[in-house]
Amino acid sequence: MSYEPLYVAYLVYFNRDQDYFECHEVLEELWLEQDRDPRYKGLLQVAVGLFHFRNNNVRGAYKMFTSAVSWLEVYPEDELGISLGKLVSEVRRYAKQLSSYDAHPFPYRDLTIEIGDTELRQAVEMASENIKPNIPQRRKPERSHSH
C-alpha cells in the first residue's frame, strides 16, 4: 500500500516532534484533498486535543478527544497502517480523565501512534530525514504580511 505524503508527514510531526499544530496543518490539507475522509478528521482532532491540553485548554481538549473517538471507533483496529484501536482506547481514556479534571487534575502527557505497517514505518523514517522540526513550534497560524 502506498501512503499519502501528507499523512506520512503527520506521523513524523506527531511521533517525532509532538508538534500538534503542524499535525493539524498537514492533515487538514489531506482531509480536504480526500473529500473530508472521517479517518483523517479523527486523527486531526487527536492532535488538536493534545495541542489544547498542552496549552491548558482542558475543555477544548475534551471536546476534540470525544469527537475524535466518535469518528475513529467505527474503523478496524489496524487501519491506515497504524494501531488505530490502541490509539482510540488511549484517547478515550484521556477524555475520561479530562471529564473530571477539575476534581482530579493530572499532568499533560503526549501520545504516540503505533505504526504497524512496515512500509509505512519505512516511509516515516525516510520522511523524517527530510522534514525539519519547527523550532520553536508555532502556536497559531501565521499571516503573511503584504506591503
N, C-alpha and C. Protein backbone atom coordinates (compact mmCIF):
# COMPACT_ATOMS: atom_id res chain seq x y z
N MET A 1 0.85 -1.19 0.00
CA MET A 1 0.00 0.00 0.00
C MET A 1 0.89 1.24 0.00
N SER A 2 0.47 2.23 -0.74
CA SER A 2 1.19 3.49 -0.80
C SER A 2 0.47 4.49 0.10
N TYR A 3 1.25 5.28 0.83
CA TYR A 3 0.67 6.24 1.77
C TYR A 3 0.87 7.66 1.29
N GLU A 4 -0.13 8.49 1.53
CA GLU A 4 -0.08 9.90 1.15
C GLU A 4 1.07 10.60 1.89
N PRO A 5 1.87 11.40 1.17
CA PRO A 5 2.98 12.12 1.83
C PRO A 5 2.53 13.01 2.99
N LEU A 6 1.36 13.62 2.90
CA LEU A 6 0.89 14.46 4.00
C LEU A 6 0.56 13.62 5.24
N TYR A 7 0.07 12.41 5.04
CA TYR A 7 -0.21 11.50 6.15
C TYR A 7 1.11 11.08 6.81
N VAL A 8 2.09 10.77 5.99
CA VAL A 8 3.41 10.40 6.50
C VAL A 8 4.00 11.58 7.30
N ALA A 9 3.87 12.79 6.77
CA ALA A 9 4.36 13.98 7.48
C ALA A 9 3.64 14.15 8.81
N TYR A 10 2.34 13.91 8.83
CA TYR A 10 1.57 13.98 10.08
C TYR A 10 2.18 13.06 11.13
N LEU A 11 2.51 11.84 10.73
CA LEU A 11 3.07 10.88 11.68
C LEU A 11 4.45 11.30 12.16
N VAL A 12 5.23 11.92 11.29
CA VAL A 12 6.54 12.44 11.71
C VAL A 12 6.34 13.54 12.75
N TYR A 13 5.48 14.49 12.46
CA TYR A 13 5.24 15.59 13.39
C TYR A 13 4.62 15.10 14.70
N PHE A 14 3.76 14.09 14.62
CA PHE A 14 3.09 13.58 15.81
C PHE A 14 4.06 12.81 16.70
N ASN A 15 4.72 11.82 16.14
CA ASN A 15 5.55 10.93 16.95
C ASN A 15 6.94 11.50 17.26
N ARG A 16 7.59 12.07 16.28
CA ARG A 16 8.96 12.54 16.50
C ARG A 16 8.98 13.88 17.24
N ASP A 17 8.15 14.82 16.80
CA ASP A 17 8.24 16.19 17.28
C ASP A 17 7.17 16.57 18.31
N GLN A 18 6.09 15.81 18.40
CA GLN A 18 4.94 16.21 19.21
C GLN A 18 4.51 17.63 18.84
N ASP A 19 4.60 17.94 17.54
CA ASP A 19 4.22 19.25 17.02
C ASP A 19 2.78 19.15 16.51
N TYR A 20 1.84 19.30 17.44
CA TYR A 20 0.44 19.05 17.12
C TYR A 20 -0.18 20.15 16.28
N PHE A 21 0.37 21.34 16.35
CA PHE A 21 -0.11 22.40 15.46
C PHE A 21 0.20 22.03 14.01
N GLU A 22 1.42 21.60 13.76
CA GLU A 22 1.82 21.23 12.40
C GLU A 22 1.06 19.99 11.94
N CYS A 23 0.78 19.08 12.86
CA CYS A 23 -0.06 17.91 12.54
C CYS A 23 -1.39 18.37 11.96
N HIS A 24 -1.98 19.36 12.63
CA HIS A 24 -3.25 19.90 12.17
C HIS A 24 -3.11 20.48 10.77
N GLU A 25 -2.05 21.25 10.55
CA GLU A 25 -1.87 21.90 9.25
C GLU A 25 -1.78 20.88 8.12
N VAL A 26 -0.93 19.86 8.27
CA VAL A 26 -0.73 18.91 7.17
C VAL A 26 -1.93 17.99 6.99
N LEU A 27 -2.54 17.58 8.09
CA LEU A 27 -3.65 16.64 7.94
C LEU A 27 -4.93 17.32 7.47
N GLU A 28 -5.10 18.59 7.83
CA GLU A 28 -6.26 19.32 7.31
C GLU A 28 -6.18 19.42 5.79
N GLU A 29 -4.98 19.67 5.29
CA GLU A 29 -4.80 19.74 3.84
C GLU A 29 -5.17 18.41 3.18
N LEU A 30 -4.71 17.32 3.77
CA LEU A 30 -5.04 15.99 3.23
C LEU A 30 -6.53 15.69 3.37
N TRP A 31 -7.10 16.03 4.50
CA TRP A 31 -8.52 15.80 4.75
C TRP A 31 -9.36 16.48 3.67
N LEU A 32 -9.00 17.71 3.32
CA LEU A 32 -9.73 18.43 2.27
C LEU A 32 -9.50 17.79 0.90
N GLU A 33 -8.28 17.36 0.63
CA GLU A 33 -7.98 16.71 -0.65
C GLU A 33 -8.71 15.38 -0.79
N GLN A 34 -8.95 14.70 0.32
CA GLN A 34 -9.55 13.36 0.32
C GLN A 34 -11.05 13.41 0.62
N ASP A 35 -11.70 14.45 0.18
CA ASP A 35 -13.15 14.58 0.35
C ASP A 35 -13.61 14.43 1.79
N ARG A 36 -12.83 15.02 2.69
CA ARG A 36 -13.18 15.05 4.11
C ARG A 36 -13.32 13.65 4.72
N ASP A 37 -12.36 12.81 4.42
CA ASP A 37 -12.30 11.45 4.94
C ASP A 37 -12.38 11.49 6.47
N PRO A 38 -13.38 10.82 7.07
CA PRO A 38 -13.56 10.88 8.52
C PRO A 38 -12.37 10.34 9.32
N ARG A 39 -11.60 9.43 8.74
CA ARG A 39 -10.42 8.91 9.44
C ARG A 39 -9.41 10.03 9.67
N TYR A 40 -9.22 10.84 8.65
CA TYR A 40 -8.27 11.94 8.79
C TYR A 40 -8.81 13.02 9.74
N LYS A 41 -10.12 13.21 9.71
CA LYS A 41 -10.71 14.18 10.64
C LYS A 41 -10.47 13.73 12.08
N GLY A 42 -10.69 12.46 12.35
CA GLY A 42 -10.47 11.95 13.70
C GLY A 42 -9.02 12.07 14.14
N LEU A 43 -8.09 11.71 13.25
CA LEU A 43 -6.67 11.82 13.59
C LEU A 43 -6.27 13.28 13.79
N LEU A 44 -6.83 14.14 12.98
CA LEU A 44 -6.58 15.58 13.12
C LEU A 44 -7.06 16.05 14.50
N GLN A 45 -8.22 15.58 14.91
CA GLN A 45 -8.77 16.00 16.20
C GLN A 45 -7.97 15.47 17.38
N VAL A 46 -7.34 14.31 17.24
CA VAL A 46 -6.46 13.83 18.30
C VAL A 46 -5.32 14.82 18.52
N ALA A 47 -4.71 15.25 17.41
CA ALA A 47 -3.60 16.22 17.50
C ALA A 47 -4.07 17.54 18.09
N VAL A 48 -5.23 18.01 17.67
CA VAL A 48 -5.76 19.28 18.17
C VAL A 48 -6.08 19.16 19.67
N GLY A 49 -6.60 18.01 20.08
CA GLY A 49 -6.87 17.79 21.50
C GLY A 49 -5.60 17.86 22.34
N LEU A 50 -4.53 17.25 21.86
CA LEU A 50 -3.26 17.32 22.57
C LEU A 50 -2.73 18.75 22.60
N PHE A 51 -2.86 19.44 21.48
CA PHE A 51 -2.43 20.84 21.41
C PHE A 51 -3.18 21.67 22.47
N HIS A 52 -4.49 21.48 22.55
CA HIS A 52 -5.29 22.23 23.52
C HIS A 52 -4.88 21.93 24.95
N PHE A 53 -4.76 20.64 25.28
CA PHE A 53 -4.45 20.31 26.67
C PHE A 53 -3.05 20.79 27.05
N ARG A 54 -2.11 20.67 26.13
CA ARG A 54 -0.75 21.16 26.41
C ARG A 54 -0.76 22.66 26.68
N ASN A 55 -1.74 23.36 26.09
CA ASN A 55 -1.86 24.81 26.29
C ASN A 55 -2.95 25.16 27.31
N ASN A 56 -3.24 24.21 28.19
CA ASN A 56 -4.15 24.41 29.34
C ASN A 56 -5.60 24.66 28.97
N ASN A 57 -6.01 24.24 27.78
CA ASN A 57 -7.42 24.35 27.38
C ASN A 57 -8.06 22.97 27.57
N VAL A 58 -8.43 22.68 28.80
CA VAL A 58 -8.97 21.36 29.15
C VAL A 58 -10.29 21.10 28.42
N ARG A 59 -11.16 22.09 28.39
CA ARG A 59 -12.47 21.92 27.73
C ARG A 59 -12.31 21.64 26.24
N GLY A 60 -11.41 22.40 25.58
CA GLY A 60 -11.16 22.19 24.15
C GLY A 60 -10.58 20.81 23.88
N ALA A 61 -9.68 20.37 24.75
CA ALA A 61 -9.07 19.05 24.59
C ALA A 61 -10.13 17.96 24.73
N TYR A 62 -10.98 18.09 25.76
CA TYR A 62 -12.04 17.11 25.97
C TYR A 62 -12.96 17.01 24.75
N LYS A 63 -13.37 18.16 24.24
CA LYS A 63 -14.26 18.17 23.08
C LYS A 63 -13.61 17.50 21.86
N MET A 64 -12.34 17.81 21.62
CA MET A 64 -11.64 17.22 20.47
C MET A 64 -11.47 15.72 20.64
N PHE A 65 -11.10 15.29 21.85
CA PHE A 65 -10.89 13.85 22.08
C PHE A 65 -12.19 13.06 21.94
N THR A 66 -13.28 13.57 22.50
CA THR A 66 -14.54 12.83 22.40
C THR A 66 -15.02 12.78 20.94
N SER A 67 -14.82 13.86 20.22
CA SER A 67 -15.20 13.87 18.81
C SER A 67 -14.31 12.91 18.01
N ALA A 68 -13.01 12.92 18.29
CA ALA A 68 -12.08 12.02 17.59
C ALA A 68 -12.48 10.57 17.80
N VAL A 69 -12.81 10.21 19.02
CA VAL A 69 -13.22 8.83 19.32
C VAL A 69 -14.45 8.47 18.51
N SER A 70 -15.42 9.37 18.44
CA SER A 70 -16.66 9.05 17.70
C SER A 70 -16.39 8.85 16.21
N TRP A 71 -15.41 9.60 15.65
CA TRP A 71 -15.07 9.42 14.24
C TRP A 71 -14.29 8.12 14.00
N LEU A 72 -13.40 7.79 14.92
CA LEU A 72 -12.43 6.71 14.67
C LEU A 72 -12.85 5.34 15.17
N GLU A 73 -13.73 5.27 16.17
CA GLU A 73 -14.04 3.98 16.79
C GLU A 73 -14.74 3.00 15.86
N VAL A 74 -15.28 3.48 14.75
CA VAL A 74 -16.00 2.60 13.82
C VAL A 74 -15.07 1.86 12.85
N TYR A 75 -13.79 2.21 12.87
CA TYR A 75 -12.83 1.61 11.93
C TYR A 75 -12.13 0.42 12.58
N PRO A 76 -11.55 -0.45 11.74
CA PRO A 76 -10.83 -1.61 12.27
C PRO A 76 -9.68 -1.22 13.19
N GLU A 77 -9.29 -2.17 14.04
CA GLU A 77 -8.17 -1.96 14.97
C GLU A 77 -6.91 -1.50 14.25
N ASP A 78 -6.64 -2.12 13.11
CA ASP A 78 -5.47 -1.77 12.30
C ASP A 78 -5.97 -1.11 11.03
N GLU A 79 -5.76 0.18 10.94
CA GLU A 79 -6.27 0.98 9.82
C GLU A 79 -5.22 2.01 9.46
N LEU A 80 -5.07 2.29 8.19
CA LEU A 80 -4.11 3.29 7.71
C LEU A 80 -2.68 2.97 8.15
N GLY A 81 -2.39 1.69 8.35
CA GLY A 81 -1.04 1.28 8.72
C GLY A 81 -0.67 1.51 10.17
N ILE A 82 -1.63 1.92 10.98
CA ILE A 82 -1.37 2.20 12.39
C ILE A 82 -2.27 1.34 13.28
N SER A 83 -1.93 1.29 14.56
CA SER A 83 -2.76 0.59 15.54
C SER A 83 -3.86 1.55 16.00
N LEU A 84 -4.85 1.70 15.13
CA LEU A 84 -5.90 2.68 15.39
C LEU A 84 -6.70 2.34 16.64
N GLY A 85 -6.98 1.06 16.83
CA GLY A 85 -7.74 0.65 18.02
C GLY A 85 -7.04 1.04 19.31
N LYS A 86 -5.73 0.88 19.34
CA LYS A 86 -4.95 1.26 20.52
C LYS A 86 -5.02 2.77 20.74
N LEU A 87 -4.89 3.53 19.66
CA LEU A 87 -4.97 4.99 19.76
C LEU A 87 -6.34 5.41 20.27
N VAL A 88 -7.40 4.82 19.73
CA VAL A 88 -8.76 5.17 20.15
C VAL A 88 -8.93 4.89 21.65
N SER A 89 -8.42 3.75 22.12
CA SER A 89 -8.51 3.42 23.55
C SER A 89 -7.77 4.45 24.40
N GLU A 90 -6.59 4.85 23.96
CA GLU A 90 -5.80 5.84 24.71
C GLU A 90 -6.51 7.19 24.75
N VAL A 91 -7.09 7.58 23.62
CA VAL A 91 -7.77 8.88 23.54
C VAL A 91 -9.05 8.83 24.38
N ARG A 92 -9.76 7.72 24.34
CA ARG A 92 -10.97 7.57 25.14
C ARG A 92 -10.63 7.69 26.63
N ARG A 93 -9.55 7.04 27.06
CA ARG A 93 -9.10 7.10 28.45
C ARG A 93 -8.70 8.54 28.83
N TYR A 94 -8.01 9.20 27.92
CA TYR A 94 -7.60 10.60 28.15
C TYR A 94 -8.84 11.47 28.34
N ALA A 95 -9.83 11.31 27.47
CA ALA A 95 -11.07 12.10 27.56
C ALA A 95 -11.78 11.84 28.88
N LYS A 96 -11.80 10.59 29.30
CA LYS A 96 -12.46 10.26 30.57
C LYS A 96 -11.76 10.98 31.72
N GLN A 97 -10.43 10.99 31.72
CA GLN A 97 -9.68 11.71 32.76
C GLN A 97 -9.97 13.21 32.70
N LEU A 98 -10.03 13.74 31.49
CA LEU A 98 -10.30 15.18 31.34
C LEU A 98 -11.69 15.55 31.83
N SER A 99 -12.64 14.62 31.74
CA SER A 99 -14.02 14.93 32.16
C SER A 99 -14.10 15.22 33.65
N SER A 100 -13.13 14.74 34.42
CA SER A 100 -13.12 15.03 35.86
C SER A 100 -11.85 15.78 36.26
N TYR A 101 -11.31 16.54 35.33
CA TYR A 101 -10.04 17.23 35.55
C TYR A 101 -10.10 18.21 36.73
N ASP A 102 -11.22 18.94 36.87
CA ASP A 102 -11.31 19.91 37.96
C ASP A 102 -11.16 19.23 39.33
N ALA A 103 -11.77 18.07 39.48
CA ALA A 103 -11.69 17.34 40.76
C ALA A 103 -10.39 16.55 40.89
N HIS A 104 -9.87 16.08 39.75
CA HIS A 104 -8.68 15.22 39.76
C HIS A 104 -7.71 15.66 38.66
N PRO A 105 -7.03 16.79 38.86
CA PRO A 105 -6.08 17.25 37.83
C PRO A 105 -4.92 16.26 37.67
N PHE A 106 -4.35 16.25 36.51
CA PHE A 106 -3.22 15.37 36.20
C PHE A 106 -2.34 16.08 35.18
N PRO A 107 -1.09 15.70 35.10
CA PRO A 107 -0.19 16.38 34.17
C PRO A 107 -0.44 15.98 32.72
N TYR A 108 -0.14 16.90 31.85
CA TYR A 108 -0.20 16.65 30.41
C TYR A 108 0.75 15.51 30.05
N ARG A 109 0.36 14.71 29.07
CA ARG A 109 1.26 13.68 28.53
C ARG A 109 1.02 13.56 27.03
N ASP A 110 2.10 13.31 26.30
CA ASP A 110 2.00 13.08 24.86
C ASP A 110 1.50 11.67 24.60
N LEU A 111 1.00 11.45 23.41
CA LEU A 111 0.65 10.11 22.94
C LEU A 111 1.58 9.78 21.77
N THR A 112 1.72 8.49 21.50
CA THR A 112 2.48 8.03 20.35
C THR A 112 1.57 7.15 19.52
N ILE A 113 1.60 7.33 18.22
CA ILE A 113 0.81 6.48 17.32
C ILE A 113 1.69 5.31 16.92
N GLU A 114 1.25 4.12 17.25
CA GLU A 114 2.00 2.91 16.92
C GLU A 114 1.81 2.57 15.44
N ILE A 115 2.92 2.48 14.73
CA ILE A 115 2.88 2.18 13.30
C ILE A 115 3.09 0.68 13.12
N GLY A 116 2.08 0.02 12.57
CA GLY A 116 2.14 -1.42 12.42
C GLY A 116 2.64 -1.88 11.07
N ASP A 117 2.42 -1.10 10.05
CA ASP A 117 2.79 -1.49 8.68
C ASP A 117 4.25 -1.15 8.41
N THR A 118 5.02 -2.15 7.98
CA THR A 118 6.45 -1.97 7.72
C THR A 118 6.70 -0.91 6.66
N GLU A 119 5.91 -0.92 5.59
CA GLU A 119 6.09 0.07 4.52
C GLU A 119 5.87 1.49 5.05
N LEU A 120 4.86 1.66 5.88
CA LEU A 120 4.58 2.97 6.45
C LEU A 120 5.70 3.38 7.41
N ARG A 121 6.17 2.45 8.22
CA ARG A 121 7.26 2.75 9.16
C ARG A 121 8.49 3.23 8.40
N GLN A 122 8.80 2.56 7.29
CA GLN A 122 9.95 2.96 6.47
C GLN A 122 9.72 4.33 5.84
N ALA A 123 8.51 4.58 5.37
CA ALA A 123 8.19 5.89 4.77
C ALA A 123 8.35 7.01 5.80
N VAL A 124 7.92 6.75 7.04
CA VAL A 124 8.04 7.75 8.10
C VAL A 124 9.51 7.99 8.43
N GLU A 125 10.30 6.92 8.50
CA GLU A 125 11.74 7.06 8.78
C GLU A 125 12.43 7.87 7.68
N MET A 126 12.10 7.58 6.43
CA MET A 126 12.71 8.33 5.33
C MET A 126 12.27 9.79 5.34
N ALA A 127 10.99 10.02 5.55
CA ALA A 127 10.47 11.38 5.55
C ALA A 127 11.07 12.20 6.70
N SER A 128 11.31 11.55 7.82
CA SER A 128 11.82 12.29 8.98
C SER A 128 13.23 12.84 8.72
N GLU A 129 13.93 12.25 7.78
CA GLU A 129 15.25 12.77 7.41
C GLU A 129 15.13 14.09 6.65
N ASN A 130 14.01 14.28 5.97
CA ASN A 130 13.81 15.48 5.13
C ASN A 130 12.91 16.53 5.75
N ILE A 131 12.19 16.17 6.79
CA ILE A 131 11.29 17.12 7.45
C ILE A 131 12.01 17.69 8.66
N LYS A 132 12.26 18.98 8.61
CA LYS A 132 12.95 19.64 9.73
C LYS A 132 11.93 19.98 10.81
N PRO A 133 12.31 19.77 12.07
CA PRO A 133 11.41 20.17 13.16
C PRO A 133 11.23 21.69 13.16
N ASN A 134 10.06 22.13 13.55
CA ASN A 134 9.79 23.56 13.70
C ASN A 134 10.26 24.00 15.08
N ILE A 135 11.33 24.76 15.12
CA ILE A 135 11.85 25.25 16.38
C ILE A 135 11.93 26.76 16.30
N PRO A 136 11.16 27.47 17.11
CA PRO A 136 10.15 26.93 18.03
C PRO A 136 8.90 26.49 17.26
N GLN A 137 8.10 25.67 17.92
CA GLN A 137 6.85 25.25 17.30
C GLN A 137 5.90 26.43 17.24
N ARG A 138 5.11 26.44 16.15
CA ARG A 138 4.11 27.51 16.01
C ARG A 138 2.97 27.26 17.00
N ARG A 139 2.38 28.33 17.45
CA ARG A 139 1.25 28.24 18.38
C ARG A 139 -0.06 28.69 17.75
N LYS A 140 0.05 29.33 16.58
CA LYS A 140 -1.15 29.81 15.89
C LYS A 140 -0.79 30.03 14.42
N PRO A 141 -1.78 30.13 13.55
CA PRO A 141 -1.48 30.38 12.14
C PRO A 141 -0.70 31.67 11.96
N GLU A 142 0.18 31.67 11.01
CA GLU A 142 0.95 32.87 10.72
C GLU A 142 0.38 33.53 9.48
N ARG A 143 0.06 34.79 9.61
CA ARG A 143 -0.49 35.53 8.47
C ARG A 143 0.66 36.10 7.66
N SER A 144 0.49 36.06 6.37
CA SER A 144 1.51 36.68 5.53
C SER A 144 1.28 38.20 5.55
N HIS A 145 2.36 38.92 5.59
CA HIS A 145 2.26 40.38 5.61
C HIS A 145 2.44 40.91 4.20
N SER A 146 1.47 41.61 3.71
CA SER A 146 1.61 42.22 2.38
C SER A 146 1.84 43.71 2.55
N HIS A 147 2.87 44.17 1.90
CA HIS A 147 3.22 45.59 2.00
C HIS A 147 3.04 46.28 0.69
